[in-house]
Amino acid sequence: PIGTSLNTEEKLFWQRYPLYRDIPPEVFYDWR
């Protein structure tokens, strides 16, 4: 639940990396 369980820092984890910045969190956090 991106709006509640993740804090700000964790929402931004993948945004540190240019390759993943356009990947929405619901995709990035999908195990597949």
ModelCIF file with pLDDT and N, C-alpha, C, O atoms, coordinates in Angstrom:
data_MODEL
#
_entry.id   MODEL 
#
_entity.id                         1 
_entity.type                       polymer 
_entity.pdbx_number_of_molecules   1 
#
_entity_poly.entity_id                      1 
_entity_poly.type                           'polypeptide(L)' 
_entity_poly.nstd_linkage                   no 
_entity_poly.nstd_monomer                   no 
_entity_poly.pdbx_seq_one_letter_code       PIGTSLNTEEKLFWQRYPLYRDIPPEVFYDWR 
_entity_poly.pdbx_seq_one_letter_code_can   PIGTSLNTEEKLFWQRYPLYRDIPPEVFYDWR 
_entity_poly.pdbx_strand_id                 A 
#
loop_
_entity_poly_seq.entity_id 
_entity_poly_seq.num 
_entity_poly_seq.mon_id 
_entity_poly_seq.hetero 
1 1  PRO n 
1 2  ILE n 
1 3  GLY n 
1 4  THR n 
1 5  SER n 
1 6  LEU n 
1 7  ASN n 
1 8  THR n 
1 9  GLU n 
1 10 GLU n 
1 11 LYS n 
1 12 LEU n 
1 13 PHE n 
1 14 TRP n 
1 15 GLN n 
1 16 ARG n 
1 17 TYR n 
1 18 PRO n 
1 19 LEU n 
1 20 TYR n 
1 21 ARG n 
1 22 ASP n 
1 23 ILE n 
1 24 PRO n 
1 25 PRO n 
1 26 GLU n 
1 27 VAL n 
1 28 PHE n 
1 29 TYR n 
1 30 ASP n 
1 31 TRP n 
1 32 ARG n 
#
_struct_asym.id          A 
_struct_asym.entity_id   1 
#
loop_
_ma_qa_metric.id 
_ma_qa_metric.mode 
_ma_qa_metric.name 
_ma_qa_metric.software_group_id 
_ma_qa_metric.type 
1 global pLDDT . pLDDT 
2 local  pLDDT . pLDDT 
#
_ma_qa_metric_global.metric_id      1 
_ma_qa_metric_global.metric_value   71.72 
_ma_qa_metric_global.model_id       1 
_ma_qa_metric_global.ordinal_id     1 
#
loop_
_ma_qa_metric_local.label_asym_id 
_ma_qa_metric_local.label_comp_id 
_ma_qa_metric_local.label_seq_id 
_ma_qa_metric_local.metric_id 
_ma_qa_metric_local.metric_value 
_ma_qa_metric_local.model_id 
_ma_qa_metric_local.ordinal_id 
A PRO 1  2 41.00 1 1  
A ILE 2  2 35.00 1 2  
A GLY 3  2 37.00 1 3  
A THR 4  2 37.00 1 4  
A SER 5  2 49.00 1 5  
A LEU 6  2 50.00 1 6  
A ASN 7  2 53.00 1 7  
A THR 8  2 51.00 1 8  
A GLU 9  2 51.00 1 9  
A GLU 10 2 54.00 1 10 
A LYS 11 2 53.00 1 11 
A LEU 12 2 59.00 1 12 
A PHE 13 2 66.00 1 13 
A TRP 14 2 64.00 1 14 
A GLN 15 2 69.00 1 15 
A ARG 16 2 75.00 1 16 
A TYR 17 2 87.00 1 17 
A PRO 18 2 88.00 1 18 
A LEU 19 2 92.00 1 19 
A TYR 20 2 91.00 1 20 
A ARG 21 2 87.00 1 21 
A ASP 22 2 89.00 1 22 
A ILE 23 2 91.00 1 23 
A PRO 24 2 90.00 1 24 
A PRO 25 2 87.00 1 25 
A GLU 26 2 88.00 1 26 
A VAL 27 2 92.00 1 27 
A PHE 28 2 92.00 1 28 
A TYR 29 2 91.00 1 29 
A ASP 30 2 94.00 1 30 
A TRP 31 2 96.00 1 31 
A ARG 32 2 96.00 1 32 
#
loop_
_atom_site.group_PDB 
_atom_site.id 
_atom_site.type_symbol 
_atom_site.label_atom_id 
_atom_site.label_alt_id 
_atom_site.label_comp_id 
_atom_site.label_asym_id 
_atom_site.label_entity_id 
_atom_site.label_seq_id 
_atom_site.pdbx_PDB_ins_code 
_atom_site.Cartn_x 
_atom_site.Cartn_y 
_atom_site.Cartn_z 
_atom_site.occupancy 
_atom_site.B_iso_or_equiv 
_atom_site.pdbx_formal_charge 
_atom_site.auth_seq_id 
_atom_site.auth_comp_id 
_atom_site.auth_asym_id 
_atom_site.auth_atom_id 
_atom_site.pdbx_PDB_model_num 
ATOM 1   N N  . PRO A 1 1  ? 0.838  -1.205  0.000   1.00 41.00 ? 1  PRO A N  1 
ATOM 2   C CA . PRO A 1 1  ? 0.000  0.000   0.000   1.00 41.00 ? 1  PRO A CA 1 
ATOM 3   C C  . PRO A 1 1  ? 0.869  1.249   0.000   1.00 41.00 ? 1  PRO A C  1 
ATOM 4   O O  . PRO A 1 1  ? 1.256  1.753   1.054   1.00 41.00 ? 1  PRO A O  1 
ATOM 5   N N  . ILE A 1 2  ? 1.167  1.737   -1.191  1.00 35.00 ? 2  ILE A N  1 
ATOM 6   C CA . ILE A 1 2  ? 2.152  2.797   -1.366  1.00 35.00 ? 2  ILE A CA 1 
ATOM 7   C C  . ILE A 1 2  ? 1.811  4.045   -0.552  1.00 35.00 ? 2  ILE A C  1 
ATOM 8   O O  . ILE A 1 2  ? 2.709  4.715   -0.042  1.00 35.00 ? 2  ILE A O  1 
ATOM 9   N N  . GLY A 1 3  ? 0.557  4.351   -0.431  1.00 37.00 ? 3  GLY A N  1 
ATOM 10  C CA . GLY A 1 3  ? 0.194  5.576   0.271   1.00 37.00 ? 3  GLY A CA 1 
ATOM 11  C C  . GLY A 1 3  ? 0.341  5.504   1.771   1.00 37.00 ? 3  GLY A C  1 
ATOM 12  O O  . GLY A 1 3  ? 0.368  6.540   2.436   1.00 37.00 ? 3  GLY A O  1 
ATOM 13  N N  . THR A 1 4  ? 0.439  4.282   2.336   1.00 37.00 ? 4  THR A N  1 
ATOM 14  C CA . THR A 1 4  ? 0.440  4.174   3.788   1.00 37.00 ? 4  THR A CA 1 
ATOM 15  C C  . THR A 1 4  ? 1.661  3.463   4.355   1.00 37.00 ? 4  THR A C  1 
ATOM 16  O O  . THR A 1 4  ? 2.313  3.987   5.257   1.00 37.00 ? 4  THR A O  1 
ATOM 17  N N  . SER A 1 5  ? 1.982  2.272   3.837   1.00 49.00 ? 5  SER A N  1 
ATOM 18  C CA . SER A 1 5  ? 3.021  1.470   4.463   1.00 49.00 ? 5  SER A CA 1 
ATOM 19  C C  . SER A 1 5  ? 4.430  1.969   4.189   1.00 49.00 ? 5  SER A C  1 
ATOM 20  O O  . SER A 1 5  ? 5.336  1.712   4.982   1.00 49.00 ? 5  SER A O  1 
ATOM 21  N N  . LEU A 1 6  ? 4.633  2.670   3.093   1.00 50.00 ? 6  LEU A N  1 
ATOM 22  C CA . LEU A 1 6  ? 5.973  3.115   2.736   1.00 50.00 ? 6  LEU A CA 1 
ATOM 23  C C  . LEU A 1 6  ? 6.200  4.539   3.205   1.00 50.00 ? 6  LEU A C  1 
ATOM 24  O O  . LEU A 1 6  ? 5.347  5.406   3.018   1.00 50.00 ? 6  LEU A O  1 
ATOM 25  N N  . ASN A 1 7  ? 7.365  4.782   3.823   1.00 53.00 ? 7  ASN A N  1 
ATOM 26  C CA . ASN A 1 7  ? 7.691  6.152   4.175   1.00 53.00 ? 7  ASN A CA 1 
ATOM 27  C C  . ASN A 1 7  ? 8.302  6.858   2.969   1.00 53.00 ? 7  ASN A C  1 
ATOM 28  O O  . ASN A 1 7  ? 8.537  6.246   1.926   1.00 53.00 ? 7  ASN A O  1 
ATOM 29  N N  . THR A 1 8  ? 8.553  8.151   3.129   1.00 51.00 ? 8  THR A N  1 
ATOM 30  C CA . THR A 1 8  ? 9.016  8.951   1.995   1.00 51.00 ? 8  THR A CA 1 
ATOM 31  C C  . THR A 1 8  ? 10.324 8.425   1.428   1.00 51.00 ? 8  THR A C  1 
ATOM 32  O O  . THR A 1 8  ? 10.502 8.354   0.212   1.00 51.00 ? 8  THR A O  1 
ATOM 33  N N  . GLU A 1 9  ? 11.239 8.056   2.320   1.00 51.00 ? 9  GLU A N  1 
ATOM 34  C CA . GLU A 1 9  ? 12.536 7.576   1.858   1.00 51.00 ? 9  GLU A CA 1 
ATOM 35  C C  . GLU A 1 9  ? 12.382 6.334   1.009   1.00 51.00 ? 9  GLU A C  1 
ATOM 36  O O  . GLU A 1 9  ? 13.043 6.207   -0.021  1.00 51.00 ? 9  GLU A O  1 
ATOM 37  N N  . GLU A 1 10 ? 11.509 5.402   1.426   1.00 54.00 ? 10 GLU A N  1 
ATOM 38  C CA . GLU A 1 10 ? 11.343 4.158   0.682   1.00 54.00 ? 10 GLU A CA 1 
ATOM 39  C C  . GLU A 1 10 ? 10.629 4.390   -0.649  1.00 54.00 ? 10 GLU A C  1 
ATOM 40  O O  . GLU A 1 10 ? 10.897 3.678   -1.617  1.00 54.00 ? 10 GLU A O  1 
ATOM 41  N N  . LYS A 1 11 ? 9.753  5.344   -0.714  1.00 53.00 ? 11 LYS A N  1 
ATOM 42  C CA . LYS A 1 11 ? 9.129  5.664   -1.990  1.00 53.00 ? 11 LYS A CA 1 
ATOM 43  C C  . LYS A 1 11 ? 10.156 6.170   -3.001  1.00 53.00 ? 11 LYS A C  1 
ATOM 44  O O  . LYS A 1 11 ? 9.979  6.017   -4.209  1.00 53.00 ? 11 LYS A O  1 
ATOM 45  N N  . LEU A 1 12 ? 11.221 6.768   -2.497  1.00 59.00 ? 12 LEU A N  1 
ATOM 46  C CA . LEU A 1 12 ? 12.211 7.380   -3.378  1.00 59.00 ? 12 LEU A CA 1 
ATOM 47  C C  . LEU A 1 12 ? 13.392 6.475   -3.673  1.00 59.00 ? 12 LEU A C  1 
ATOM 48  O O  . LEU A 1 12 ? 14.292 6.864   -4.417  1.00 59.00 ? 12 LEU A O  1 
ATOM 49  N N  . PHE A 1 13 ? 13.411 5.263   -3.101  1.00 66.00 ? 13 PHE A N  1 
ATOM 50  C CA . PHE A 1 13 ? 14.557 4.380   -3.292  1.00 66.00 ? 13 PHE A CA 1 
ATOM 51  C C  . PHE A 1 13 ? 14.916 4.244   -4.769  1.00 66.00 ? 13 PHE A C  1 
ATOM 52  O O  . PHE A 1 13 ? 16.038 4.538   -5.180  1.00 66.00 ? 13 PHE A O  1 
ATOM 53  N N  . TRP A 1 14 ? 13.941 3.793   -5.561  1.00 64.00 ? 14 TRP A N  1 
ATOM 54  C CA . TRP A 1 14 ? 14.250 3.512   -6.961  1.00 64.00 ? 14 TRP A CA 1 
ATOM 55  C C  . TRP A 1 14 ? 14.480 4.800   -7.764  1.00 64.00 ? 14 TRP A C  1 
ATOM 56  O O  . TRP A 1 14 ? 15.064 4.760   -8.848  1.00 64.00 ? 14 TRP A O  1 
ATOM 57  N N  . GLN A 1 15 ? 14.023 5.936   -7.235  1.00 69.00 ? 15 GLN A N  1 
ATOM 58  C CA . GLN A 1 15 ? 14.190 7.189   -7.968  1.00 69.00 ? 15 GLN A CA 1 
ATOM 59  C C  . GLN A 1 15 ? 15.614 7.730   -7.878  1.00 69.00 ? 15 GLN A C  1 
ATOM 60  O O  . GLN A 1 15 ? 15.940 8.719   -8.534  1.00 69.00 ? 15 GLN A O  1 
ATOM 61  N N  . ARG A 1 16 ? 16.470 7.088   -7.069  1.00 75.00 ? 16 ARG A N  1 
ATOM 62  C CA . ARG A 1 16 ? 17.879 7.476   -7.047  1.00 75.00 ? 16 ARG A CA 1 
ATOM 63  C C  . ARG A 1 16 ? 18.573 7.110   -8.367  1.00 75.00 ? 16 ARG A C  1 
ATOM 64  O O  . ARG A 1 16 ? 19.640 7.634   -8.685  1.00 75.00 ? 16 ARG A O  1 
ATOM 65  N N  . TYR A 1 17 ? 17.960 6.222   -9.109  1.00 87.00 ? 17 TYR A N  1 
ATOM 66  C CA . TYR A 1 17 ? 18.611 5.645   -10.275 1.00 87.00 ? 17 TYR A CA 1 
ATOM 67  C C  . TYR A 1 17 ? 17.871 6.044   -11.545 1.00 87.00 ? 17 TYR A C  1 
ATOM 68  O O  . TYR A 1 17 ? 16.681 5.758   -11.681 1.00 87.00 ? 17 TYR A O  1 
ATOM 69  N N  . PRO A 1 18 ? 18.551 6.697   -12.471 1.00 88.00 ? 18 PRO A N  1 
ATOM 70  C CA . PRO A 1 18 ? 17.884 7.180   -13.694 1.00 88.00 ? 18 PRO A CA 1 
ATOM 71  C C  . PRO A 1 18 ? 17.128 6.098   -14.439 1.00 88.00 ? 18 PRO A C  1 
ATOM 72  O O  . PRO A 1 18 ? 16.068 6.368   -15.004 1.00 88.00 ? 18 PRO A O  1 
ATOM 73  N N  . LEU A 1 19 ? 17.649 4.877   -14.455 1.00 92.00 ? 19 LEU A N  1 
ATOM 74  C CA . LEU A 1 19 ? 17.032 3.805   -15.220 1.00 92.00 ? 19 LEU A CA 1 
ATOM 75  C C  . LEU A 1 19 ? 15.631 3.461   -14.722 1.00 92.00 ? 19 LEU A C  1 
ATOM 76  O O  . LEU A 1 19 ? 14.797 2.980   -15.490 1.00 92.00 ? 19 LEU A O  1 
ATOM 77  N N  . TYR A 1 20 ? 15.371 3.708   -13.427 1.00 91.00 ? 20 TYR A N  1 
ATOM 78  C CA . TYR A 1 20 ? 14.106 3.280   -12.831 1.00 91.00 ? 20 TYR A CA 1 
ATOM 79  C C  . TYR A 1 20 ? 13.139 4.435   -12.539 1.00 91.00 ? 20 TYR A C  1 
ATOM 80  O O  . TYR A 1 20 ? 12.056 4.208   -11.999 1.00 91.00 ? 20 TYR A O  1 
ATOM 81  N N  . ARG A 1 21 ? 13.511 5.645   -12.882 1.00 87.00 ? 21 ARG A N  1 
ATOM 82  C CA . ARG A 1 21 ? 12.692 6.789   -12.474 1.00 87.00 ? 21 ARG A CA 1 
ATOM 83  C C  . ARG A 1 21 ? 11.316 6.808   -13.109 1.00 87.00 ? 21 ARG A C  1 
ATOM 84  O O  . ARG A 1 21 ? 10.375 7.344   -12.525 1.00 87.00 ? 21 ARG A O  1 
ATOM 85  N N  . ASP A 1 22 ? 11.183 6.234   -14.293 1.00 89.00 ? 22 ASP A N  1 
ATOM 86  C CA . ASP A 1 22 ? 9.883  6.235   -14.962 1.00 89.00 ? 22 ASP A CA 1 
ATOM 87  C C  . ASP A 1 22 ? 9.069  4.989   -14.655 1.00 89.00 ? 22 ASP A C  1 
ATOM 88  O O  . ASP A 1 22 ? 7.976  4.810   -15.193 1.00 89.00 ? 22 ASP A O  1 
ATOM 89  N N  . ILE A 1 23 ? 9.597  4.128   -13.794 1.00 91.00 ? 23 ILE A N  1 
ATOM 90  C CA . ILE A 1 23 ? 8.863  2.909   -13.417 1.00 91.00 ? 23 ILE A CA 1 
ATOM 91  C C  . ILE A 1 23 ? 7.967  3.230   -12.232 1.00 91.00 ? 23 ILE A C  1 
ATOM 92  O O  . ILE A 1 23 ? 8.475  3.579   -11.167 1.00 91.00 ? 23 ILE A O  1 
ATOM 93  N N  . PRO A 1 24 ? 6.661  3.124   -12.380 1.00 90.00 ? 24 PRO A N  1 
ATOM 94  C CA . PRO A 1 24 ? 5.764  3.426   -11.255 1.00 90.00 ? 24 PRO A CA 1 
ATOM 95  C C  . PRO A 1 24 ? 5.962  2.424   -10.128 1.00 90.00 ? 24 PRO A C  1 
ATOM 96  O O  . PRO A 1 24 ? 6.336  1.280   -10.386 1.00 90.00 ? 24 PRO A O  1 
ATOM 97  N N  . PRO A 1 25 ? 5.722  2.825   -8.892  1.00 87.00 ? 25 PRO A N  1 
ATOM 98  C CA . PRO A 1 25 ? 5.989  1.945   -7.750  1.00 87.00 ? 25 PRO A CA 1 
ATOM 99  C C  . PRO A 1 25 ? 5.244  0.625   -7.803  1.00 87.00 ? 25 PRO A C  1 
ATOM 100 O O  . PRO A 1 25 ? 5.772  -0.403  -7.382  1.00 87.00 ? 25 PRO A O  1 
ATOM 101 N N  . GLU A 1 26 ? 4.005  0.644   -8.323  1.00 88.00 ? 26 GLU A N  1 
ATOM 102 C CA . GLU A 1 26 ? 3.257  -0.622  -8.364  1.00 88.00 ? 26 GLU A CA 1 
ATOM 103 C C  . GLU A 1 26 ? 3.888  -1.624  -9.330  1.00 88.00 ? 26 GLU A C  1 
ATOM 104 O O  . GLU A 1 26 ? 3.646  -2.826  -9.224  1.00 88.00 ? 26 GLU A O  1 
ATOM 105 N N  . VAL A 1 27 ? 4.695  -1.131  -10.270 1.00 92.00 ? 27 VAL A N  1 
ATOM 106 C CA . VAL A 1 27 ? 5.449  -2.020  -11.161 1.00 92.00 ? 27 VAL A CA 1 
ATOM 107 C C  . VAL A 1 27 ? 6.766  -2.409  -10.499 1.00 92.00 ? 27 VAL A C  1 
ATOM 108 O O  . VAL A 1 27 ? 7.128  -3.584  -10.442 1.00 92.00 ? 27 VAL A O  1 
ATOM 109 N N  . PHE A 1 28 ? 7.481  -1.389  -9.997  1.00 92.00 ? 28 PHE A N  1 
ATOM 110 C CA . PHE A 1 28 ? 8.789  -1.641  -9.395  1.00 92.00 ? 28 PHE A CA 1 
ATOM 111 C C  . PHE A 1 28 ? 8.694  -2.653  -8.258  1.00 92.00 ? 28 PHE A C  1 
ATOM 112 O O  . PHE A 1 28 ? 9.591  -3.482  -8.102  1.00 92.00 ? 28 PHE A O  1 
ATOM 113 N N  . TYR A 1 29 ? 7.641  -2.607  -7.473  1.00 91.00 ? 29 TYR A N  1 
ATOM 114 C CA . TYR A 1 29 ? 7.490  -3.495  -6.323  1.00 91.00 ? 29 TYR A CA 1 
ATOM 115 C C  . TYR A 1 29 ? 6.746  -4.786  -6.653  1.00 91.00 ? 29 TYR A C  1 
ATOM 116 O O  . TYR A 1 29 ? 6.299  -5.492  -5.749  1.00 91.00 ? 29 TYR A O  1 
ATOM 117 N N  . ASP A 1 30 ? 6.614  -5.091  -7.919  1.00 94.00 ? 30 ASP A N  1 
ATOM 118 C CA . ASP A 1 30 ? 6.028  -6.367  -8.333  1.00 94.00 ? 30 ASP A CA 1 
ATOM 119 C C  . ASP A 1 30 ? 7.162  -7.388  -8.498  1.00 94.00 ? 30 ASP A C  1 
ATOM 120 O O  . ASP A 1 30 ? 8.133  -7.116  -9.204  1.00 94.00 ? 30 ASP A O  1 
ATOM 121 N N  . TRP A 1 31 ? 7.053  -8.533  -7.867  1.00 96.00 ? 31 TRP A N  1 
ATOM 122 C CA . TRP A 1 31 ? 8.162  -9.499  -7.877  1.00 96.00 ? 31 TRP A CA 1 
ATOM 123 C C  . TRP A 1 31 ? 8.433  -10.041 -9.277  1.00 96.00 ? 31 TRP A C  1 
ATOM 124 O O  . TRP A 1 31 ? 9.571  -10.371 -9.610  1.00 96.00 ? 31 TRP A O  1 
ATOM 125 N N  . ARG A 1 32 ? 7.371  -10.133 -10.106 1.00 96.00 ? 32 ARG A N  1 
ATOM 126 C CA . ARG A 1 32 ? 7.576  -10.644 -11.464 1.00 96.00 ? 32 ARG A CA 1 
ATOM 127 C C  . ARG A 1 32 ? 8.433  -9.670  -12.283 1.00 96.00 ? 32 ARG A C  1 
ATOM 128 O O  . ARG A 1 32 ? 8.714  -9.929  -13.453 1.00 96.00 ? 32 ARG A O  1 
#
